[in-house]
Amino acid sequence: MRLIFTALIAFILAGPAAVAGGPPEGEDPAAWCESNLDACTTWCESNPEAEICKEPECD
């Protein structure tokens, strides 16, 4: 029973990290951010030094 609870807790804690993983390798970061705005915003909050996060937003 402990093993099930441990696995469940690990899965819950690892979930948000997987969702906000940043642009996939080999994909255009700008295109990824345009199609995944929420994930891009969340990722940029943790990675402000990334080039895609430094670009100004268009109004």
PDB file of N, CA and C in Angstrom:
ATOM      1  N   MET A   1       0.821  -1.189   0.000  1.00  0.00           N
ATOM      2  CA  MET A   1       0.000   0.000   0.000  1.00  0.00           C
ATOM      3  C   MET A   1       0.876   1.267   0.000  1.00  0.00           C
ATOM      4  N   ARG A   2       1.971   1.228   0.742  1.00  0.00           N
ATOM      5  CA  ARG A   2       2.866   2.380   0.776  1.00  0.00           C
ATOM      6  C   ARG A   2       3.449   2.658  -0.602  1.00  0.00           C
ATOM      7  N   LEU A   3       3.740   1.602  -1.328  1.00  0.00           N
ATOM      8  CA  LEU A   3       4.306   1.758  -2.660  1.00  0.00           C
ATOM      9  C   LEU A   3       3.344   2.493  -3.584  1.00  0.00           C
ATOM     10  N   ILE A   4       2.076   2.199  -3.486  1.00  0.00           N
ATOM     11  CA  ILE A   4       1.061   2.872  -4.306  1.00  0.00           C
ATOM     12  C   ILE A   4       0.991   4.348  -3.952  1.00  0.00           C
ATOM     13  N   PHE A   5       0.970   4.659  -2.656  1.00  0.00           N
ATOM     14  CA  PHE A   5       0.912   6.058  -2.242  1.00  0.00           C
ATOM     15  C   PHE A   5       2.178   6.813  -2.646  1.00  0.00           C
ATOM     16  N   THR A   6       3.320   6.171  -2.526  1.00  0.00           N
ATOM     17  CA  THR A   6       4.581   6.806  -2.919  1.00  0.00           C
ATOM     18  C   THR A   6       4.596   7.096  -4.416  1.00  0.00           C
ATOM     19  N   ALA A   7       4.154   6.125  -5.205  1.00  0.00           N
ATOM     20  CA  ALA A   7       4.112   6.325  -6.652  1.00  0.00           C
ATOM     21  C   ALA A   7       3.124   7.428  -7.017  1.00  0.00           C
ATOM     22  N   LEU A   8       1.976   7.459  -6.369  1.00  0.00           N
ATOM     23  CA  LEU A   8       0.969   8.478  -6.638  1.00  0.00           C
ATOM     24  C   LEU A   8       1.491   9.871  -6.291  1.00  0.00           C
ATOM     25  N   ILE A   9       2.142  10.017  -5.167  1.00  0.00           N
ATOM     26  CA  ILE A   9       2.691  11.307  -4.763  1.00  0.00           C
ATOM     27  C   ILE A   9       3.794  11.744  -5.725  1.00  0.00           C
ATOM     28  N   ALA A  10       4.650  10.818  -6.128  1.00  0.00           N
ATOM     29  CA  ALA A  10       5.717  11.155  -7.080  1.00  0.00           C
ATOM     30  C   ALA A  10       5.134  11.603  -8.412  1.00  0.00           C
ATOM     31  N   PHE A  11       4.080  10.931  -8.860  1.00  0.00           N
ATOM     32  CA  PHE A  11       3.442  11.307 -10.121  1.00  0.00           C
ATOM     33  C   PHE A  11       2.828  12.701 -10.030  1.00  0.00           C
ATOM     34  N   ILE A  12       2.171  13.002  -8.931  1.00  0.00           N
ATOM     35  CA  ILE A  12       1.540  14.314  -8.744  1.00  0.00           C
ATOM     36  C   ILE A  12       2.595  15.423  -8.695  1.00  0.00           C
ATOM     37  N   LEU A  13       3.701  15.174  -8.017  1.00  0.00           N
ATOM     38  CA  LEU A  13       4.743  16.189  -7.919  1.00  0.00           C
ATOM     39  C   LEU A  13       5.500  16.374  -9.230  1.00  0.00           C
ATOM     40  N   ALA A  14       5.634  15.335 -10.019  1.00  0.00           N
ATOM     41  CA  ALA A  14       6.366  15.421 -11.283  1.00  0.00           C
ATOM     42  C   ALA A  14       5.502  15.974 -12.407  1.00  0.00           C
ATOM     43  N   GLY A  15       4.195  15.959 -12.269  1.00  0.00           N
ATOM     44  CA  GLY A  15       3.281  16.419 -13.313  1.00  0.00           C
ATOM     45  C   GLY A  15       3.512  17.845 -13.764  1.00  0.00           C
ATOM     46  N   PRO A  16       3.530  18.825 -12.865  1.00  0.00           N
ATOM     47  CA  PRO A  16       3.729  20.214 -13.300  1.00  0.00           C
ATOM     48  C   PRO A  16       5.074  20.446 -13.981  1.00  0.00           C
ATOM     49  N   ALA A  17       6.098  19.737 -13.569  1.00  0.00           N
ATOM     50  CA  ALA A  17       7.408  19.903 -14.198  1.00  0.00           C
ATOM     51  C   ALA A  17       7.366  19.422 -15.644  1.00  0.00           C
ATOM     52  N   ALA A  18       6.621  18.386 -15.889  1.00  0.00           N
ATOM     53  CA  ALA A  18       6.526  17.866 -17.258  1.00  0.00           C
ATOM     54  C   ALA A  18       5.716  18.796 -18.144  1.00  0.00           C
ATOM     55  N   VAL A  19       4.721  19.433 -17.583  1.00  0.00           N
ATOM     56  CA  VAL A  19       3.861  20.313 -18.361  1.00  0.00           C
ATOM     57  C   VAL A  19       4.609  21.567 -18.775  1.00  0.00           C
ATOM     58  N   ALA A  20       5.418  22.110 -17.898  1.00  0.00           N
ATOM     59  CA  ALA A  20       6.127  23.354 -18.180  1.00  0.00           C
ATOM     60  C   ALA A  20       7.577  23.082 -18.522  1.00  0.00           C
ATOM     61  N   GLY A  21       7.825  22.176 -19.413  1.00  0.00           N
ATOM     62  CA  GLY A  21       9.174  21.758 -19.737  1.00  0.00           C
ATOM     63  C   GLY A  21       9.878  22.627 -20.754  1.00  0.00           C
ATOM     64  N   GLY A  22       9.235  23.588 -21.331  1.00  0.00           N
ATOM     65  CA  GLY A  22       9.887  24.433 -22.315  1.00  0.00           C
ATOM     66  C   GLY A  22       9.756  23.881 -23.722  1.00  0.00           C
ATOM     67  N   PRO A  23      10.309  24.592 -24.681  1.00  0.00           N
ATOM     68  CA  PRO A  23      10.197  24.151 -26.076  1.00  0.00           C
ATOM     69  C   PRO A  23      10.949  22.841 -26.299  1.00  0.00           C
ATOM     70  N   PRO A  24      10.362  21.916 -27.058  1.00  0.00           N
ATOM     71  CA  PRO A  24      11.036  20.654 -27.351  1.00  0.00           C
ATOM     72  C   PRO A  24      12.297  20.879 -28.179  1.00  0.00           C
ATOM     73  N   GLU A  25      13.251  19.976 -28.036  1.00  0.00           N
ATOM     74  CA  GLU A  25      14.496  20.052 -28.801  1.00  0.00           C
ATOM     75  C   GLU A  25      14.198  20.017 -30.295  1.00  0.00           C
ATOM     76  N   GLY A  26      14.842  20.877 -31.037  1.00  0.00           N
ATOM     77  CA  GLY A  26      14.694  20.893 -32.482  1.00  0.00           C
ATOM     78  C   GLY A  26      13.489  21.654 -32.998  1.00  0.00           C
ATOM     79  N   GLU A  27      12.633  22.129 -32.103  1.00  0.00           N
ATOM     80  CA  GLU A  27      11.455  22.886 -32.532  1.00  0.00           C
ATOM     81  C   GLU A  27      11.734  24.375 -32.365  1.00  0.00           C
ATOM     82  N   ASP A  28      11.123  25.189 -33.224  1.00  0.00           N
ATOM     83  CA  ASP A  28      11.279  26.638 -33.154  1.00  0.00           C
ATOM     84  C   ASP A  28      10.626  27.146 -31.875  1.00  0.00           C
ATOM     85  N   PRO A  29      11.397  27.760 -30.952  1.00  0.00           N
ATOM     86  CA  PRO A  29      10.832  28.235 -29.695  1.00  0.00           C
ATOM     87  C   PRO A  29       9.707  29.254 -29.877  1.00  0.00           C
ATOM     88  N   ALA A  30       9.829  30.132 -30.881  1.00  0.00           N
ATOM     89  CA  ALA A  30       8.787  31.132 -31.107  1.00  0.00           C
ATOM     90  C   ALA A  30       7.477  30.473 -31.519  1.00  0.00           C
ATOM     91  N   ALA A  31       7.559  29.471 -32.379  1.00  0.00           N
ATOM     92  CA  ALA A  31       6.354  28.755 -32.805  1.00  0.00           C
ATOM     93  C   ALA A  31       5.750  27.992 -31.637  1.00  0.00           C
ATOM     94  N   TRP A  32       6.598  27.409 -30.797  1.00  0.00           N
ATOM     95  CA  TRP A  32       6.101  26.679 -29.628  1.00  0.00           C
ATOM     96  C   TRP A  32       5.382  27.630 -28.681  1.00  0.00           C
ATOM     97  N   CYS A  33       5.962  28.812 -28.447  1.00  0.00           N
ATOM     98  CA  CYS A  33       5.336  29.780 -27.531  1.00  0.00           C
ATOM     99  C   CYS A  33       4.006  30.290 -28.087  1.00  0.00           C
ATOM    100  N   GLU A  34       3.922  30.475 -29.394  1.00  0.00           N
ATOM    101  CA  GLU A  34       2.664  30.941 -29.979  1.00  0.00           C
ATOM    102  C   GLU A  34       1.563  29.899 -29.834  1.00  0.00           C
ATOM    103  N   SER A  35       1.913  28.629 -29.979  1.00  0.00           N
ATOM    104  CA  SER A  35       0.890  27.583 -29.907  1.00  0.00           C
ATOM    105  C   SER A  35       0.646  27.090 -28.485  1.00  0.00           C
ATOM    106  N   ASN A  36       1.527  27.431 -27.542  1.00  0.00           N
ATOM    107  CA  ASN A  36       1.394  26.999 -26.149  1.00  0.00           C
ATOM    108  C   ASN A  36       1.622  28.189 -25.219  1.00  0.00           C
ATOM    109  N   LEU A  37       0.786  29.197 -25.331  1.00  0.00           N
ATOM    110  CA  LEU A  37       1.009  30.452 -24.609  1.00  0.00           C
ATOM    111  C   LEU A  37       1.074  30.267 -23.097  1.00  0.00           C
ATOM    112  N   ASP A  38       0.159  29.486 -22.527  1.00  0.00           N
ATOM    113  CA  ASP A  38       0.168  29.292 -21.072  1.00  0.00           C
ATOM    114  C   ASP A  38       1.433  28.580 -20.608  1.00  0.00           C
ATOM    115  N   ALA A  39       1.812  27.513 -21.317  1.00  0.00           N
ATOM    116  CA  ALA A  39       3.021  26.771 -20.954  1.00  0.00           C
ATOM    117  C   ALA A  39       4.258  27.640 -21.142  1.00  0.00           C
ATOM    118  N   CYS A  40       4.267  28.452 -22.193  1.00  0.00           N
ATOM    119  CA  CYS A  40       5.404  29.336 -22.456  1.00  0.00           C
ATOM    120  C   CYS A  40       5.547  30.373 -21.346  1.00  0.00           C
ATOM    121  N   THR A  41       4.437  30.949 -20.938  1.00  0.00           N
ATOM    122  CA  THR A  41       4.458  31.949 -19.866  1.00  0.00           C
ATOM    123  C   THR A  41       4.974  31.341 -18.575  1.00  0.00           C
ATOM    124  N   THR A  42       4.476  30.160 -18.242  1.00  0.00           N
ATOM    125  CA  THR A  42       4.912  29.477 -17.028  1.00  0.00           C
ATOM    126  C   THR A  42       6.391  29.135 -17.106  1.00  0.00           C
ATOM    127  N   TRP A  43       6.827  28.652 -18.265  1.00  0.00           N
ATOM    128  CA  TRP A  43       8.227  28.285 -18.432  1.00  0.00           C
ATOM    129  C   TRP A  43       9.133  29.509 -18.351  1.00  0.00           C
ATOM    130  N   CYS A  44       8.701  30.613 -18.941  1.00  0.00           N
ATOM    131  CA  CYS A  44       9.511  31.834 -18.931  1.00  0.00           C
ATOM    132  C   CYS A  44       9.635  32.439 -17.536  1.00  0.00           C
ATOM    133  N   GLU A  45       8.659  32.202 -16.687  1.00  0.00           N
ATOM    134  CA  GLU A  45       8.762  32.687 -15.313  1.00  0.00           C
ATOM    135  C   GLU A  45       9.943  32.032 -14.600  1.00  0.00           C
ATOM    136  N   SER A  46      10.227  30.778 -14.939  1.00  0.00           N
ATOM    137  CA  SER A  46      11.337  30.056 -14.329  1.00  0.00           C
ATOM    138  C   SER A  46      12.632  30.195 -15.120  1.00  0.00           C
ATOM    139  N   ASN A  47      12.543  30.659 -16.369  1.00  0.00           N
ATOM    140  CA  ASN A  47      13.707  30.764 -17.251  1.00  0.00           C
ATOM    141  C   ASN A  47      13.764  32.122 -17.936  1.00  0.00           C
ATOM    142  N   PRO A  48      13.840  33.207 -17.175  1.00  0.00           N
ATOM    143  CA  PRO A  48      13.812  34.541 -17.806  1.00  0.00           C
ATOM    144  C   PRO A  48      15.032  34.817 -18.673  1.00  0.00           C
ATOM    145  N   GLU A  49      16.104  34.051 -18.500  1.00  0.00           N
ATOM    146  CA  GLU A  49      17.314  34.279 -19.294  1.00  0.00           C
ATOM    147  C   GLU A  49      17.228  33.682 -20.688  1.00  0.00           C
ATOM    148  N   ALA A  50      16.225  32.854 -20.948  1.00  0.00           N
ATOM    149  CA  ALA A  50      16.074  32.239 -22.269  1.00  0.00           C
ATOM    150  C   ALA A  50      15.777  33.317 -23.316  1.00  0.00           C
ATOM    151  N   GLU A  51      16.324  33.124 -24.502  1.00  0.00           N
ATOM    152  CA  GLU A  51      16.195  34.128 -25.569  1.00  0.00           C
ATOM    153  C   GLU A  51      14.733  34.424 -25.911  1.00  0.00           C
ATOM    154  N   ILE A  52      13.896  33.393 -25.997  1.00  0.00           N
ATOM    155  CA  ILE A  52      12.484  33.586 -26.357  1.00  0.00           C
ATOM    156  C   ILE A  52      11.746  34.396 -25.288  1.00  0.00           C
ATOM    157  N   CYS A  53      12.220  34.336 -24.050  1.00  0.00           N
ATOM    158  CA  CYS A  53      11.563  35.062 -22.955  1.00  0.00           C
ATOM    159  C   CYS A  53      11.968  36.531 -22.914  1.00  0.00           C
ATOM    160  N   LYS A  54      13.001  36.904 -23.646  1.00  0.00           N
ATOM    161  CA  LYS A  54      13.469  38.288 -23.655  1.00  0.00           C
ATOM    162  C   LYS A  54      12.822  39.129 -24.747  1.00  0.00           C
ATOM    163  N   GLU A  55      12.147  38.470 -25.697  1.00  0.00           N
ATOM    164  CA  GLU A  55      11.547  39.205 -26.805  1.00  0.00           C
ATOM    165  C   GLU A  55      10.357  40.008 -26.311  1.00  0.00           C
ATOM    166  N   PRO A  56      10.211  41.232 -26.823  1.00  0.00           N
ATOM    167  CA  PRO A  56       9.046  42.038 -26.408  1.00  0.00           C
ATOM    168  C   PRO A  56       7.765  41.490 -26.996  1.00  0.00           C
ATOM    169  N   GLU A  57       6.690  41.651 -26.236  1.00  0.00           N
ATOM    170  CA  GLU A  57       5.379  41.211 -26.719  1.00  0.00           C
ATOM    171  C   GLU A  57       4.774  42.277 -27.615  1.00  0.00           C
ATOM    172  N   CYS A  58       4.073  41.846 -28.632  1.00  0.00           N
ATOM    173  CA  CYS A  58       3.377  42.781 -29.518  1.00  0.00           C
ATOM    174  C   CYS A  58       2.042  43.162 -28.902  1.00  0.00           C
ATOM    175  N   ASP A  59       1.692  44.406 -29.029  1.00  0.00           N
ATOM    176  CA  ASP A  59       0.376  44.869 -28.512  1.00  0.00           C
ATOM    177  C   ASP A  59      -0.615  44.980 -29.636  1.00  0.00           C
TER     178      ASP A  59
END
